[in-house]
């Protein structure tokens, strides 16, 4: 299943910051995959364990643990 995220979710990835626009769920036996449009213009997909949401004071998410 592919889910388009609206609005996109700001993410920190191993390749830099960007916005997750799609979430790919391949089922129970597989890791979810995030399709992230990086701020440098590149588009990459990352597994759950590779990405973290950006800081967001509104949601009291002030520290990102890698």
C-alpha atoms as a PDB file:
ATOM      1  CA  UNK A   1       0.000   0.000   0.000  1.00  0.00           C
ATOM      2  CA  UNK A   2       1.246   3.498  -0.801  1.00  0.00           C
ATOM      3  CA  UNK A   3      -0.043   6.400   1.254  1.00  0.00           C
ATOM      4  CA  UNK A   4       0.447   9.995   0.099  1.00  0.00           C
ATOM      5  CA  UNK A   5       1.109  12.173   3.135  1.00  0.00           C
ATOM      6  CA  UNK A   6      -0.855  15.422   3.202  1.00  0.00           C
ATOM      7  CA  UNK A   7       0.758  17.520   4.520  1.00  0.00           C
ATOM      8  CA  UNK A   8       4.274  16.118   3.987  1.00  0.00           C
ATOM      9  CA  UNK A   9       6.193  15.272   7.183  1.00  0.00           C
ATOM     10  CA  UNK A  10       9.518  17.048   7.857  1.00  0.00           C
ATOM     11  CA  UNK A  11      12.192  14.355   8.338  1.00  0.00           C
ATOM     12  CA  UNK A  12      15.868  14.006   9.200  1.00  0.00           C
ATOM     13  CA  UNK A  13      17.590  11.333   7.101  1.00  0.00           C
ATOM     14  CA  UNK A  14      21.162  10.028   6.671  1.00  0.00           C
ATOM     15  CA  UNK A  15      21.389  12.188   3.532  1.00  0.00           C
ATOM     16  CA  UNK A  16      20.035  15.398   5.101  1.00  0.00           C
ATOM     17  CA  UNK A  17      16.694  17.011   5.871  1.00  0.00           C
ATOM     18  CA  UNK A  18      13.611  16.909   3.702  1.00  0.00           C
ATOM     19  CA  UNK A  19       9.909  16.127   3.562  1.00  0.00           C
ATOM     20  CA  UNK A  20       8.375  12.653   3.494  1.00  0.00           C
ATOM     21  CA  UNK A  21       5.674  12.678   0.824  1.00  0.00           C
ATOM     22  CA  UNK A  22       4.836   8.964   0.641  1.00  0.00           C
ATOM     23  CA  UNK A  23       4.803   5.997   2.987  1.00  0.00           C
ATOM     24  CA  UNK A  24       5.131   2.530   1.433  1.00  0.00           C
ATOM     25  CA  UNK A  25       3.770  -0.325   3.556  1.00  0.00           C
ATOM     26  CA  UNK A  26       4.690  -3.728   2.135  1.00  0.00           C
ATOM     27  CA  UNK A  27       3.027  -5.716   4.914  1.00  0.00           C
ATOM     28  CA  UNK A  28       3.733  -7.170   8.349  1.00  0.00           C
ATOM     29  CA  UNK A  29       6.998  -8.874   7.439  1.00  0.00           C
ATOM     30  CA  UNK A  30       8.685  -5.805   5.969  1.00  0.00           C
ATOM     31  CA  UNK A  31       9.909  -2.456   7.229  1.00  0.00           C
ATOM     32  CA  UNK A  32       7.930   0.614   6.178  1.00  0.00           C
ATOM     33  CA  UNK A  33       9.615   2.769   3.554  1.00  0.00           C
ATOM     34  CA  UNK A  34       9.476   6.588   3.550  1.00  0.00           C
ATOM     35  CA  UNK A  35       9.868   8.465   0.251  1.00  0.00           C
ATOM     36  CA  UNK A  36      11.580  11.734   1.156  1.00  0.00           C
ATOM     37  CA  UNK A  37      12.088  14.772  -1.073  1.00  0.00           C
ATOM     38  CA  UNK A  38      15.354  16.185   0.278  1.00  0.00           C
ATOM     39  CA  UNK A  39      15.960  19.918   0.572  1.00  0.00           C
ATOM     40  CA  UNK A  40      18.773  19.607  -2.022  1.00  0.00           C
ATOM     41  CA  UNK A  41      16.268  18.390  -4.654  1.00  0.00           C
ATOM     42  CA  UNK A  42      17.072  14.668  -4.492  1.00  0.00           C
ATOM     43  CA  UNK A  43      14.395  12.032  -3.856  1.00  0.00           C
ATOM     44  CA  UNK A  44      15.306   8.982  -1.754  1.00  0.00           C
ATOM     45  CA  UNK A  45      13.507   6.220   0.087  1.00  0.00           C
ATOM     46  CA  UNK A  46      14.509   5.234   3.616  1.00  0.00           C
ATOM     47  CA  UNK A  47      13.497   2.485   6.017  1.00  0.00           C
ATOM     48  CA  UNK A  48      11.887   3.332   9.372  1.00  0.00           C
ATOM     49  CA  UNK A  49      15.115   2.797  11.294  1.00  0.00           C
ATOM     50  CA  UNK A  50      16.946   5.353   9.112  1.00  0.00           C
ATOM     51  CA  UNK A  51      14.686   8.397   9.547  1.00  0.00           C
ATOM     52  CA  UNK A  52      13.403  10.598  12.359  1.00  0.00           C
ATOM     53  CA  UNK A  53      10.798  13.364  12.360  1.00  0.00           C
ATOM     54  CA  UNK A  54      12.152  16.912  12.631  1.00  0.00           C
ATOM     55  CA  UNK A  55      11.934  18.821  15.884  1.00  0.00           C
ATOM     56  CA  UNK A  56       8.485  20.302  16.536  1.00  0.00           C
ATOM     57  CA  UNK A  57       7.868  22.406  19.627  1.00  0.00           C
ATOM     58  CA  UNK A  58       4.083  22.309  19.107  1.00  0.00           C
ATOM     59  CA  UNK A  59       4.121  18.541  19.665  1.00  0.00           C
ATOM     60  CA  UNK A  60       6.769  18.829  22.425  1.00  0.00           C
ATOM     61  CA  UNK A  61       9.262  16.973  20.212  1.00  0.00           C
ATOM     62  CA  UNK A  62      12.331  19.042  21.056  1.00  0.00           C
ATOM     63  CA  UNK A  63      15.010  16.326  20.943  1.00  0.00           C
ATOM     64  CA  UNK A  64      15.551  13.871  18.104  1.00  0.00           C
ATOM     65  CA  UNK A  65      17.168  10.592  19.181  1.00  0.00           C
ATOM     66  CA  UNK A  66      19.043   8.797  16.429  1.00  0.00           C
END
